[in-house]
Amino acid sequence: MENGLDLQRILDKTAEDCRALTGDGKPASYIPELATVNPKLFSISAATLDGAVLSSGDTNARFSMQSMSKVISLAFALERFGHDDVFSKVGMEPCSEPFNSIMKLEMTSNHTPLNPFINSGSIVMAGLIAERLGESALEEVLGFASRMTGNKRGLEVNERVYRSESMTADRNRSLAYFMHSIGTLSFDVERSLDLYFRMCSIEVGTGDLAVMGATLANAGKSPATGEQITSLDNSYTVIGIMSVCGLYNESADFAVKVGVPAKSGVSGGIVCAVPGKMGLAVFSPPLDAGGNSVAGVKALSGLSRQMKLRGI
């Protein structure tokens, strides 16, 4: 493992080399608020298991978690409701269709989403949390997310992103109402969706995400606070699903090129958990056709090779 000075130099060089490597990527526009973000922003962070957090680039950049919040909702649901309960609602299989597809939901034998990281699966997770916890659901999820990221001030929902997402969510509403019609989503559709949109709109920086990744990499124990956030088994479960489902239908390609468990979001962020070593996070808004940060994937691929992280 590199010492702190070496790791900082690696991050600085990565930020310098990868900031402009966006190709034909563009920020997500189907959520209008995301299209207003400066596409030139680039931030990268690493959190080691001894509690250090190192960052480079536009380190003050804040952005919404989007699908990276699915790591939070899965870990939270596993802790509160248990493995059997959670996986009676969703599967653990990779998906070859886009993250917001309805096709694979229709094709499963028991009408459940293939995994908790596609939109249909995460909406089911939000419904489970909202149904069980009622009015306290969002507060409890935010508290869990703050502890998992080591953010002592507490994470909050970006209300502008939340309103933008909620107003342009025809596809997610169609998924939710379809699932409700066949009994997959048992709770109220709009209350399930509201919690889902709010979780996607939680605002973070790459430092927060790197600590979240490090918490999972440290068998569920926060390197920032020393608190056991998730059980060992639950951290393994989340990391396993990140490995095979974390980058939508490009997960296999990412596993070959980068080789570390990760979860991306259409805000341009990617969070990684390198078991027994560190957490990594990168942010760059322009996305490829699969909905993943172009510069972010390139940065993580370079880091993985340079630091020999692949195959952990």
C-alpha atoms as a PDB file:
ATOM      1  CA  MET A   1       0.000   0.000   0.000  1.00  0.00           C
ATOM      2  CA  GLU A   2       1.297   3.445  -0.908  1.00  0.00           C
ATOM      3  CA  ASN A   3       2.003   5.861   1.947  1.00  0.00           C
ATOM      4  CA  GLY A   4      -0.063   9.026   2.225  1.00  0.00           C
ATOM      5  CA  LEU A   5       2.341  11.211   0.250  1.00  0.00           C
ATOM      6  CA  ASP A   6       2.611   8.682  -2.580  1.00  0.00           C
ATOM      7  CA  LEU A   7      -1.153   8.217  -2.694  1.00  0.00           C
ATOM      8  CA  GLN A   8      -1.723  11.978  -2.846  1.00  0.00           C
ATOM      9  CA  ARG A   9       0.695  12.236  -5.766  1.00  0.00           C
ATOM     10  CA  ILE A  10      -1.129   9.432  -7.569  1.00  0.00           C
ATOM     11  CA  LEU A  11      -4.478  11.173  -7.073  1.00  0.00           C
ATOM     12  CA  ASP A  12      -3.071  14.521  -8.224  1.00  0.00           C
ATOM     13  CA  LYS A  13      -1.605  12.962 -11.374  1.00  0.00           C
ATOM     14  CA  THR A  14      -4.854  11.091 -12.063  1.00  0.00           C
ATOM     15  CA  ALA A  15      -6.877  14.308 -11.736  1.00  0.00           C
ATOM     16  CA  GLU A  16      -4.471  16.109 -14.065  1.00  0.00           C
ATOM     17  CA  ASP A  17      -4.495  13.343 -16.674  1.00  0.00           C
ATOM     18  CA  CYS A  18      -8.170  12.379 -16.622  1.00  0.00           C
ATOM     19  CA  ARG A  19     -10.075  15.635 -16.082  1.00  0.00           C
ATOM     20  CA  ALA A  20     -10.543  16.245 -19.806  1.00  0.00           C
ATOM     21  CA  LEU A  21     -10.981  12.627 -20.911  1.00  0.00           C
ATOM     22  CA  THR A  22     -14.721  12.876 -21.439  1.00  0.00           C
ATOM     23  CA  GLY A  23     -14.868  11.832 -25.112  1.00  0.00           C
ATOM     24  CA  ASP A  24     -18.389  12.254 -26.450  1.00  0.00           C
ATOM     25  CA  GLY A  25     -19.899  12.000 -22.985  1.00  0.00           C
ATOM     26  CA  LYS A  26     -22.575  14.417 -21.825  1.00  0.00           C
ATOM     27  CA  PRO A  27     -24.180  15.089 -18.430  1.00  0.00           C
ATOM     28  CA  ALA A  28     -27.552  13.434 -17.872  1.00  0.00           C
ATOM     29  CA  SER A  29     -30.291  15.646 -19.289  1.00  0.00           C
ATOM     30  CA  TYR A  30     -33.457  13.646 -18.577  1.00  0.00           C
ATOM     31  CA  ILE A  31     -33.257  15.009 -15.026  1.00  0.00           C
ATOM     32  CA  PRO A  32     -33.062  18.721 -15.907  1.00  0.00           C
ATOM     33  CA  GLU A  33     -31.201  19.791 -12.772  1.00  0.00           C
ATOM     34  CA  LEU A  34     -28.329  17.424 -13.596  1.00  0.00           C
ATOM     35  CA  ALA A  35     -27.890  19.102 -16.972  1.00  0.00           C
ATOM     36  CA  THR A  36     -27.036  22.399 -15.226  1.00  0.00           C
ATOM     37  CA  VAL A  37     -23.879  20.996 -13.567  1.00  0.00           C
ATOM     38  CA  ASN A  38     -20.509  22.209 -14.886  1.00  0.00           C
ATOM     39  CA  PRO A  39     -19.289  19.342 -17.120  1.00  0.00           C
ATOM     40  CA  LYS A  40     -15.642  20.279 -16.488  1.00  0.00           C
ATOM     41  CA  LEU A  41     -15.776  19.401 -12.791  1.00  0.00           C
ATOM     42  CA  PHE A  42     -13.542  16.524 -11.719  1.00  0.00           C
ATOM     43  CA  SER A  43     -12.880  15.238  -8.226  1.00  0.00           C
ATOM     44  CA  ILE A  44     -11.254  12.078  -6.920  1.00  0.00           C
ATOM     45  CA  SER A  45     -10.812  10.799  -3.356  1.00  0.00           C
ATOM     46  CA  ALA A  46      -9.338   7.817  -1.527  1.00  0.00           C
ATOM     47  CA  ALA A  47     -10.111   6.759   2.049  1.00  0.00           C
ATOM     48  CA  THR A  48      -7.693   4.363   3.691  1.00  0.00           C
ATOM     49  CA  LEU A  49      -8.609   1.940   6.437  1.00  0.00           C
ATOM     50  CA  ASP A  50      -6.599   3.900   9.007  1.00  0.00           C
ATOM     51  CA  GLY A  51      -9.011   6.831   8.636  1.00  0.00           C
ATOM     52  CA  ALA A  52      -7.122   9.089   6.201  1.00  0.00           C
ATOM     53  CA  VAL A  53      -9.070  10.768   3.398  1.00  0.00           C
ATOM     54  CA  LEU A  54      -7.092  12.211   0.471  1.00  0.00           C
ATOM     55  CA  SER A  55      -8.609  14.155  -2.435  1.00  0.00           C
ATOM     56  CA  SER A  56      -7.639  15.982  -5.597  1.00  0.00           C
ATOM     57  CA  GLY A  57      -9.333  18.084  -8.262  1.00  0.00           C
ATOM     58  CA  ASP A  58     -12.477  20.076  -7.537  1.00  0.00           C
ATOM     59  CA  THR A  59     -12.634  18.838  -3.971  1.00  0.00           C
ATOM     60  CA  ASN A  60     -15.498  21.150  -2.954  1.00  0.00           C
ATOM     61  CA  ALA A  61     -17.824  19.794  -5.643  1.00  0.00           C
ATOM     62  CA  ARG A  62     -21.128  18.487  -4.268  1.00  0.00           C
ATOM     63  CA  PHE A  63     -23.513  16.331  -6.283  1.00  0.00           C
ATOM     64  CA  SER A  64     -26.471  14.009  -5.824  1.00  0.00           C
ATOM     65  CA  MET A  65     -25.917  10.325  -5.178  1.00  0.00           C
ATOM     66  CA  GLN A  66     -28.431   9.131  -7.754  1.00  0.00           C
ATOM     67  CA  SER A  67     -27.951   5.354  -8.146  1.00  0.00           C
ATOM     68  CA  MET A  68     -25.039   5.308  -5.711  1.00  0.00           C
ATOM     69  CA  SER A  69     -27.741   5.705  -3.043  1.00  0.00           C
ATOM     70  CA  LYS A  70     -28.800   2.156  -3.903  1.00  0.00           C
ATOM     71  CA  VAL A  71     -25.761   0.970  -1.930  1.00  0.00           C
ATOM     72  CA  ILE A  72     -27.145   2.857   1.073  1.00  0.00           C
ATOM     73  CA  SER A  73     -30.699   1.557   0.686  1.00  0.00           C
ATOM     74  CA  LEU A  74     -29.520  -2.041   0.277  1.00  0.00           C
ATOM     75  CA  ALA A  75     -27.125  -1.909   3.234  1.00  0.00           C
ATOM     76  CA  PHE A  76     -29.758  -0.183   5.376  1.00  0.00           C
ATOM     77  CA  ALA A  77     -32.475  -2.695   4.473  1.00  0.00           C
ATOM     78  CA  LEU A  78     -30.161  -5.634   5.162  1.00  0.00           C
ATOM     79  CA  GLU A  79     -29.299  -4.251   8.585  1.00  0.00           C
ATOM     80  CA  ARG A  80     -32.871  -3.446   9.558  1.00  0.00           C
ATOM     81  CA  PHE A  81     -34.839  -6.291   7.969  1.00  0.00           C
ATOM     82  CA  GLY A  82     -32.373  -9.097   7.300  1.00  0.00           C
ATOM     83  CA  HIS A  83     -31.080 -10.995   4.286  1.00  0.00           C
ATOM     84  CA  ASP A  84     -34.060 -13.294   3.768  1.00  0.00           C
ATOM     85  CA  ASP A  85     -36.607 -10.490   3.936  1.00  0.00           C
ATOM     86  CA  VAL A  86     -34.703  -8.287   1.486  1.00  0.00           C
ATOM     87  CA  PHE A  87     -34.026 -11.020  -1.050  1.00  0.00           C
ATOM     88  CA  SER A  88     -37.592 -12.206  -1.017  1.00  0.00           C
ATOM     89  CA  LYS A  89     -38.294  -8.862  -2.728  1.00  0.00           C
ATOM     90  CA  VAL A  90     -35.376  -8.662  -5.204  1.00  0.00           C
ATOM     91  CA  GLY A  91     -32.853 -10.999  -6.792  1.00  0.00           C
ATOM     92  CA  MET A  92     -29.062 -10.969  -7.061  1.00  0.00           C
ATOM     93  CA  GLU A  93     -28.645 -11.455 -10.806  1.00  0.00           C
ATOM     94  CA  PRO A  94     -26.831  -9.135 -13.252  1.00  0.00           C
ATOM     95  CA  CYS A  95     -28.996  -7.400 -15.825  1.00  0.00           C
ATOM     96  CA  SER A  96     -28.153  -7.045 -19.518  1.00  0.00           C
ATOM     97  CA  GLU A  97     -30.823  -4.393 -20.061  1.00  0.00           C
ATOM     98  CA  PRO A  98     -30.534  -0.660 -19.194  1.00  0.00           C
ATOM     99  CA  PHE A  99     -30.979   0.224 -15.512  1.00  0.00           C
ATOM    100  CA  ASN A 100     -34.513   1.588 -16.043  1.00  0.00           C
ATOM    101  CA  SER A 101     -35.750  -1.248 -18.244  1.00  0.00           C
ATOM    102  CA  ILE A 102     -39.089  -2.930 -17.658  1.00  0.00           C
ATOM    103  CA  MET A 103     -38.333  -5.943 -19.841  1.00  0.00           C
ATOM    104  CA  LYS A 104     -36.338  -8.034 -17.371  1.00  0.00           C
ATOM    105  CA  LEU A 105     -38.946  -7.489 -14.679  1.00  0.00           C
ATOM    106  CA  GLU A 106     -41.558  -9.026 -16.939  1.00  0.00           C
ATOM    107  CA  MET A 107     -39.326 -11.991 -17.735  1.00  0.00           C
ATOM    108  CA  THR A 108     -38.488 -13.160 -14.204  1.00  0.00           C
ATOM    109  CA  SER A 109     -40.480 -16.176 -13.078  1.00  0.00           C
ATOM    110  CA  ASN A 110     -41.681 -14.637  -9.801  1.00  0.00           C
ATOM    111  CA  HIS A 111     -42.087 -11.063 -11.092  1.00  0.00           C
ATOM    112  CA  THR A 112     -39.327  -9.617  -8.928  1.00  0.00           C
ATOM    113  CA  PRO A 113     -36.555  -7.263 -10.097  1.00  0.00           C
ATOM    114  CA  LEU A 114     -33.300  -8.999 -10.960  1.00  0.00           C
ATOM    115  CA  ASN A 115     -31.253  -7.044  -8.413  1.00  0.00           C
ATOM    116  CA  PRO A 116     -31.514  -4.079  -6.023  1.00  0.00           C
ATOM    117  CA  PHE A 117     -29.316  -1.809  -8.176  1.00  0.00           C
ATOM    118  CA  ILE A 118     -31.603  -1.448 -11.187  1.00  0.00           C
ATOM    119  CA  ASN A 119     -34.350   1.139 -10.784  1.00  0.00           C
ATOM    120  CA  SER A 120     -37.163  -1.351 -10.324  1.00  0.00           C
ATOM    121  CA  GLY A 121     -35.223  -3.145  -7.593  1.00  0.00           C
ATOM    122  CA  SER A 122     -34.346   0.057  -5.785  1.00  0.00           C
ATOM    123  CA  ILE A 123     -37.943   1.268  -5.914  1.00  0.00           C
ATOM    124  CA  VAL A 124     -38.959  -2.003  -4.247  1.00  0.00           C
ATOM    125  CA  MET A 125     -36.289  -1.383  -1.577  1.00  0.00           C
ATOM    126  CA  ALA A 126     -37.643   2.130  -1.028  1.00  0.00           C
ATOM    127  CA  GLY A 127     -41.157   0.719  -0.727  1.00  0.00           C
ATOM    128  CA  LEU A 128     -40.006  -1.832   1.834  1.00  0.00           C
ATOM    129  CA  ILE A 129     -38.274   0.855   3.917  1.00  0.00           C
ATOM    130  CA  ALA A 130     -41.171   3.320   3.638  1.00  0.00           C
ATOM    131  CA  GLU A 131     -43.735   0.680   4.567  1.00  0.00           C
ATOM    132  CA  ARG A 132     -41.859  -0.589   7.609  1.00  0.00           C
ATOM    133  CA  LEU A 133     -40.644   2.754   9.003  1.00  0.00           C
ATOM    134  CA  GLY A 134     -43.399   5.159   8.022  1.00  0.00           C
ATOM    135  CA  GLU A 135     -42.762   8.863   8.586  1.00  0.00           C
ATOM    136  CA  SER A 136     -39.290   8.251  10.043  1.00  0.00           C
ATOM    137  CA  ALA A 137     -37.997   6.458   6.927  1.00  0.00           C
ATOM    138  CA  LEU A 138     -36.100   9.340   5.317  1.00  0.00           C
ATOM    139  CA  GLU A 139     -34.628  10.551   8.604  1.00  0.00           C
ATOM    140  CA  GLU A 140     -33.367   7.074   9.433  1.00  0.00           C
ATOM    141  CA  VAL A 141     -31.878   6.538   5.962  1.00  0.00           C
ATOM    142  CA  LEU A 142     -30.131   9.929   6.105  1.00  0.00           C
ATOM    143  CA  GLY A 143     -28.736   9.103   9.533  1.00  0.00           C
ATOM    144  CA  PHE A 144     -27.446   5.760   8.282  1.00  0.00           C
ATOM    145  CA  ALA A 145     -25.925   7.391   5.189  1.00  0.00           C
ATOM    146  CA  SER A 146     -24.218  10.032   7.340  1.00  0.00           C
ATOM    147  CA  ARG A 147     -22.709   7.361   9.574  1.00  0.00           C
ATOM    148  CA  MET A 148     -21.624   5.245   6.611  1.00  0.00           C
ATOM    149  CA  THR A 149     -19.878   8.208   4.979  1.00  0.00           C
ATOM    150  CA  GLY A 150     -18.426   9.532   8.220  1.00  0.00           C
ATOM    151  CA  ASN A 151     -20.121  12.884   7.611  1.00  0.00           C
ATOM    152  CA  LYS A 152     -20.477  14.372  11.092  1.00  0.00           C
ATOM    153  CA  ARG A 153     -22.545  17.350   9.923  1.00  0.00           C
ATOM    154  CA  GLY A 154     -25.130  15.009   8.446  1.00  0.00           C
ATOM    155  CA  LEU A 155     -26.068  14.479   4.820  1.00  0.00           C
ATOM    156  CA  GLU A 156     -29.088  16.231   3.337  1.00  0.00           C
ATOM    157  CA  VAL A 157     -31.356  15.990   0.311  1.00  0.00           C
ATOM    158  CA  ASN A 158     -30.743  18.500  -2.486  1.00  0.00           C
ATOM    159  CA  GLU A 159     -34.271  19.826  -2.862  1.00  0.00           C
ATOM    160  CA  ARG A 160     -33.726  21.206  -6.373  1.00  0.00           C
ATOM    161  CA  VAL A 161     -32.573  17.814  -7.634  1.00  0.00           C
ATOM    162  CA  TYR A 162     -35.428  16.090  -5.801  1.00  0.00           C
ATOM    163  CA  ARG A 163     -38.062  18.328  -7.403  1.00  0.00           C
ATOM    164  CA  SER A 164     -36.466  17.985 -10.840  1.00  0.00           C
ATOM    165  CA  GLU A 165     -36.309  14.217 -10.523  1.00  0.00           C
ATOM    166  CA  SER A 166     -39.847  13.881  -9.209  1.00  0.00           C
ATOM    167  CA  MET A 167     -41.311  16.030 -11.998  1.00  0.00           C
ATOM    168  CA  THR A 168     -39.662  14.084 -14.839  1.00  0.00           C
ATOM    169  CA  ALA A 169     -40.054  10.513 -13.613  1.00  0.00           C
ATOM    170  CA  ASP A 170     -42.490   9.003 -16.096  1.00  0.00           C
ATOM    171  CA  ARG A 171     -40.384   5.863 -16.615  1.00  0.00           C
ATOM    172  CA  ASN A 172     -39.909   5.241 -12.897  1.00  0.00           C
ATOM    173  CA  ARG A 173     -43.598   5.833 -12.253  1.00  0.00           C
ATOM    174  CA  SER A 174     -44.504   3.353 -14.963  1.00  0.00           C
ATOM    175  CA  LEU A 175     -42.164   0.793 -13.420  1.00  0.00           C
ATOM    176  CA  ALA A 176     -43.623   1.373  -9.964  1.00  0.00           C
ATOM    177  CA  TYR A 177     -47.264   1.189 -11.037  1.00  0.00           C
ATOM    178  CA  PHE A 178     -46.604  -1.917 -13.098  1.00  0.00           C
ATOM    179  CA  MET A 179     -44.948  -3.604 -10.111  1.00  0.00           C
ATOM    180  CA  HIS A 180     -47.834  -2.534  -7.893  1.00  0.00           C
ATOM    181  CA  SER A 181     -50.324  -4.049 -10.342  1.00  0.00           C
ATOM    182  CA  ILE A 182     -48.674  -7.482 -10.120  1.00  0.00           C
ATOM    183  CA  GLY A 183     -48.010  -7.365  -6.367  1.00  0.00           C
ATOM    184  CA  THR A 184     -44.229  -6.907  -6.514  1.00  0.00           C
ATOM    185  CA  LEU A 185     -44.493  -3.464  -4.918  1.00  0.00           C
ATOM    186  CA  SER A 186     -46.910  -3.931  -2.056  1.00  0.00           C
ATOM    187  CA  PHE A 187     -46.759  -0.421  -0.556  1.00  0.00           C
ATOM    188  CA  ASP A 188     -48.262   2.839  -1.773  1.00  0.00           C
ATOM    189  CA  VAL A 189     -46.656   3.762  -5.109  1.00  0.00           C
ATOM    190  CA  GLU A 190     -46.253   7.505  -4.617  1.00  0.00           C
ATOM    191  CA  ARG A 191     -44.866   7.194  -1.092  1.00  0.00           C
ATOM    192  CA  SER A 192     -42.413   4.544  -2.294  1.00  0.00           C
ATOM    193  CA  LEU A 193     -41.330   6.754  -5.179  1.00  0.00           C
ATOM    194  CA  ASP A 194     -41.021   9.824  -2.986  1.00  0.00           C
ATOM    195  CA  LEU A 195     -38.514   8.086  -0.724  1.00  0.00           C
ATOM    196  CA  TYR A 196     -36.692   6.718  -3.782  1.00  0.00           C
ATOM    197  CA  PHE A 197     -36.378  10.197  -5.340  1.00  0.00           C
ATOM    198  CA  ARG A 198     -35.206  11.700  -2.067  1.00  0.00           C
ATOM    199  CA  MET A 199     -32.560   9.014  -1.577  1.00  0.00           C
ATOM    200  CA  CYS A 200     -31.279   9.597  -5.120  1.00  0.00           C
ATOM    201  CA  SER A 201     -31.067  13.320  -4.304  1.00  0.00           C
ATOM    202  CA  ILE A 202     -28.845  12.974  -1.205  1.00  0.00           C
ATOM    203  CA  GLU A 203     -25.936  15.378  -1.703  1.00  0.00           C
ATOM    204  CA  VAL A 204     -22.343  14.194  -1.222  1.00  0.00           C
ATOM    205  CA  GLY A 205     -18.746  14.841  -2.237  1.00  0.00           C
ATOM    206  CA  THR A 206     -16.148  12.313  -3.303  1.00  0.00           C
ATOM    207  CA  GLY A 207     -14.688  12.338   0.216  1.00  0.00           C
ATOM    208  CA  ASP A 208     -18.019  11.138   1.620  1.00  0.00           C
ATOM    209  CA  LEU A 209     -18.250   8.404  -1.003  1.00  0.00           C
ATOM    210  CA  ALA A 210     -14.666   7.258  -0.468  1.00  0.00           C
ATOM    211  CA  VAL A 211     -15.355   6.775   3.249  1.00  0.00           C
ATOM    212  CA  MET A 212     -18.535   4.864   2.364  1.00  0.00           C
ATOM    213  CA  GLY A 213     -16.474   2.597   0.140  1.00  0.00           C
ATOM    214  CA  ALA A 214     -13.840   2.200   2.843  1.00  0.00           C
ATOM    215  CA  THR A 215     -16.506   1.258   5.383  1.00  0.00           C
ATOM    216  CA  LEU A 216     -17.601  -1.611   3.165  1.00  0.00           C
ATOM    217  CA  ALA A 217     -13.960  -2.481   2.401  1.00  0.00           C
ATOM    218  CA  ASN A 218     -13.326  -2.615   6.149  1.00  0.00           C
ATOM    219  CA  ALA A 219     -15.945  -5.329   6.740  1.00  0.00           C
ATOM    220  CA  GLY A 220     -18.613  -2.774   7.629  1.00  0.00           C
ATOM    221  CA  LYS A 221     -16.583  -0.837  10.210  1.00  0.00           C
ATOM    222  CA  SER A 222     -16.193   2.879   9.590  1.00  0.00           C
ATOM    223  CA  PRO A 223     -12.518   3.900   9.396  1.00  0.00           C
ATOM    224  CA  ALA A 224     -13.646   7.464  10.167  1.00  0.00           C
ATOM    225  CA  THR A 225     -15.373   6.735  13.484  1.00  0.00           C
ATOM    226  CA  GLY A 226     -14.619   3.119  14.387  1.00  0.00           C
ATOM    227  CA  GLU A 227     -18.338   2.314  14.484  1.00  0.00           C
ATOM    228  CA  GLN A 228     -19.547  -1.017  13.102  1.00  0.00           C
ATOM    229  CA  ILE A 229     -22.082   0.251  10.549  1.00  0.00           C
ATOM    230  CA  THR A 230     -22.988  -3.048   8.905  1.00  0.00           C
ATOM    231  CA  SER A 231     -22.344  -6.643   9.833  1.00  0.00           C
ATOM    232  CA  LEU A 232     -19.509  -8.525   8.174  1.00  0.00           C
ATOM    233  CA  ASP A 233     -21.966 -10.676   6.218  1.00  0.00           C
ATOM    234  CA  ASN A 234     -23.971  -7.682   5.035  1.00  0.00           C
ATOM    235  CA  SER A 235     -20.864  -5.806   3.885  1.00  0.00           C
ATOM    236  CA  TYR A 236     -19.845  -8.885   1.880  1.00  0.00           C
ATOM    237  CA  THR A 237     -23.316  -9.077   0.350  1.00  0.00           C
ATOM    238  CA  VAL A 238     -23.282  -5.428  -0.729  1.00  0.00           C
ATOM    239  CA  ILE A 239     -19.750  -5.698  -2.140  1.00  0.00           C
ATOM    240  CA  GLY A 240     -20.691  -8.846  -4.029  1.00  0.00           C
ATOM    241  CA  ILE A 241     -23.650  -7.176  -5.698  1.00  0.00           C
ATOM    242  CA  MET A 242     -21.525  -4.110  -6.483  1.00  0.00           C
ATOM    243  CA  SER A 243     -19.087  -6.453  -8.239  1.00  0.00           C
ATOM    244  CA  VAL A 244     -21.656  -7.925 -10.618  1.00  0.00           C
ATOM    245  CA  CYS A 245     -24.367  -5.240 -10.862  1.00  0.00           C
ATOM    246  CA  GLY A 246     -22.781  -1.911  -9.933  1.00  0.00           C
ATOM    247  CA  LEU A 247     -22.352  -0.307 -13.354  1.00  0.00           C
ATOM    248  CA  TYR A 248     -25.672  -1.239 -14.903  1.00  0.00           C
ATOM    249  CA  ASN A 249     -25.325  -3.321 -18.063  1.00  0.00           C
ATOM    250  CA  GLU A 250     -21.639  -2.327 -18.326  1.00  0.00           C
ATOM    251  CA  SER A 251     -20.765  -4.121 -15.077  1.00  0.00           C
ATOM    252  CA  ALA A 252     -18.924  -6.985 -16.765  1.00  0.00           C
ATOM    253  CA  ASP A 253     -16.846  -4.611 -18.878  1.00  0.00           C
ATOM    254  CA  PHE A 254     -15.919  -2.607 -15.770  1.00  0.00           C
ATOM    255  CA  ALA A 255     -15.018  -5.785 -13.887  1.00  0.00           C
ATOM    256  CA  VAL A 256     -12.553  -6.718 -16.641  1.00  0.00           C
ATOM    257  CA  LYS A 257     -11.066  -3.242 -17.075  1.00  0.00           C
ATOM    258  CA  VAL A 258     -10.983  -2.096 -13.452  1.00  0.00           C
ATOM    259  CA  GLY A 259     -11.618  -5.194 -11.363  1.00  0.00           C
ATOM    260  CA  VAL A 260     -12.909  -3.631  -8.135  1.00  0.00           C
ATOM    261  CA  PRO A 261     -16.468  -3.572  -6.694  1.00  0.00           C
ATOM    262  CA  ALA A 262     -18.140  -0.281  -7.603  1.00  0.00           C
ATOM    263  CA  LYS A 263     -21.448   1.557  -7.991  1.00  0.00           C
ATOM    264  CA  SER A 264     -22.066   4.427 -10.367  1.00  0.00           C
ATOM    265  CA  GLY A 265     -24.705   7.138 -10.562  1.00  0.00           C
ATOM    266  CA  VAL A 266     -25.941   9.324 -13.413  1.00  0.00           C
ATOM    267  CA  SER A 267     -24.773  12.451 -11.600  1.00  0.00           C
ATOM    268  CA  GLY A 268     -21.283  11.352 -12.714  1.00  0.00           C
ATOM    269  CA  GLY A 269     -20.061   9.708  -9.538  1.00  0.00           C
ATOM    270  CA  ILE A 270     -18.572   6.267  -8.991  1.00  0.00           C
ATOM    271  CA  VAL A 271     -17.823   4.770  -5.587  1.00  0.00           C
ATOM    272  CA  CYS A 272     -15.519   1.753  -5.129  1.00  0.00           C
ATOM    273  CA  ALA A 273     -14.820  -0.575  -2.217  1.00  0.00           C
ATOM    274  CA  VAL A 274     -11.463  -2.357  -2.400  1.00  0.00           C
ATOM    275  CA  PRO A 275     -11.761  -5.074   0.285  1.00  0.00           C
ATOM    276  CA  GLY A 276      -9.079  -4.883   2.944  1.00  0.00           C
ATOM    277  CA  LYS A 277      -7.475  -1.806   1.354  1.00  0.00           C
ATOM    278  CA  MET A 278      -9.476   1.365   0.755  1.00  0.00           C
ATOM    279  CA  GLY A 279     -12.458   3.177  -0.649  1.00  0.00           C
ATOM    280  CA  LEU A 280     -12.235   5.225  -3.840  1.00  0.00           C
ATOM    281  CA  ALA A 281     -14.598   7.734  -5.407  1.00  0.00           C
ATOM    282  CA  VAL A 282     -14.561   9.877  -8.511  1.00  0.00           C
ATOM    283  CA  PHE A 283     -16.882  12.522  -9.950  1.00  0.00           C
ATOM    284  CA  SER A 284     -17.092  13.811 -13.519  1.00  0.00           C
ATOM    285  CA  PRO A 285     -20.545  14.581 -14.992  1.00  0.00           C
ATOM    286  CA  PRO A 286     -20.207  13.582 -18.697  1.00  0.00           C
ATOM    287  CA  LEU A 287     -21.619  10.069 -19.132  1.00  0.00           C
ATOM    288  CA  ASP A 288     -21.189   7.322 -21.706  1.00  0.00           C
ATOM    289  CA  ALA A 289     -24.108   5.582 -23.398  1.00  0.00           C
ATOM    290  CA  GLY A 290     -24.482   3.227 -20.443  1.00  0.00           C
ATOM    291  CA  GLY A 291     -24.904   6.053 -17.929  1.00  0.00           C
ATOM    292  CA  ASN A 292     -21.418   5.888 -16.392  1.00  0.00           C
ATOM    293  CA  SER A 293     -18.877   8.693 -15.993  1.00  0.00           C
ATOM    294  CA  VAL A 294     -16.460   8.594 -18.946  1.00  0.00           C
ATOM    295  CA  ALA A 295     -13.540  10.234 -17.144  1.00  0.00           C
ATOM    296  CA  GLY A 296     -14.409   8.402 -13.938  1.00  0.00           C
ATOM    297  CA  VAL A 297     -14.104   4.960 -15.513  1.00  0.00           C
ATOM    298  CA  LYS A 298     -10.811   5.937 -17.149  1.00  0.00           C
ATOM    299  CA  ALA A 299      -9.440   7.308 -13.886  1.00  0.00           C
ATOM    300  CA  LEU A 300     -10.360   4.184 -11.933  1.00  0.00           C
ATOM    301  CA  SER A 301      -8.968   1.924 -14.621  1.00  0.00           C
ATOM    302  CA  GLY A 302      -5.626   3.731 -14.428  1.00  0.00           C
ATOM    303  CA  LEU A 303      -5.592   3.672 -10.626  1.00  0.00           C
ATOM    304  CA  SER A 304      -6.392  -0.025 -10.565  1.00  0.00           C
ATOM    305  CA  ARG A 305      -3.453  -0.844 -12.831  1.00  0.00           C
ATOM    306  CA  GLN A 306      -1.023   1.493 -11.112  1.00  0.00           C
ATOM    307  CA  MET A 307      -1.925   0.425  -7.577  1.00  0.00           C
ATOM    308  CA  LYS A 308      -2.459  -3.244  -8.482  1.00  0.00           C
ATOM    309  CA  LEU A 309      -6.019  -3.302  -7.165  1.00  0.00           C
ATOM    310  CA  ARG A 310      -7.539  -5.546  -9.812  1.00  0.00           C
ATOM    311  CA  GLY A 311      -8.728  -8.959  -8.729  1.00  0.00           C
ATOM    312  CA  ILE A 312      -9.208  -8.113  -5.062  1.00  0.00           C
END
